[in-house]
Amino acid sequence: MNINKIIASGLGTGYSTFAPGTVGSLLGVVVFYIINSMINRLDLQSLNILVLNLAFIGAVTLLGVYSIKQVHKVWEHDASAIVIDEIVGVCIAAFAIPFRWEYYLMAFVLFRFFDIAKPLFIRKLDNMKGNWSVMLDDILAGVYANVVLQLIVYANFI
């Protein structure tokens, strides 16, 4: 159970006494930035970078849902200590954007906005009671944040 608590709590960031979701999201965007920094040094084609990013996001999602299922045996549904969903969501927000720290910061801010405000079907997913629902509302918040960020990048606002 301990490894599942470590995973579900985002390496313990979910135990933060101040805004655990934000702290977990910050860990997620920093880790995703570091991973992409290392991937970019490999001088791979863009498609290969996207595939590696998708593999990382997919693996963390599946591992996260499994860990959420396990910790739900002892923790309440979607306990505040569970932040692996925020980690996945912020990685989705930063997926397939140009590798610049400013964009990763914007991905973090946009993701937190959608995760907190919960517009456009996110709240409905958040109110569901399954193990996947814990992850799905943050996945959708990440998708919305990514769409907005892609538009910002495409329009050259930054």
Foldseek 3Di string as FASTA:
>chain_A
DVVLLCLQLQNVLLVDPPQSLLSSLVSLLVVLLVVLVVVVVVVDDPVVSLVVLVVVLVVLLVSNLVSLVVCVVPDPQLPSSGRSLSSSLLSLLLHPDPNDVVLSVQSSVQLVVCLVVVPDCLVVLCPDRHSVSSNVSSNVSSPVNNVVSVVCVVVVVD
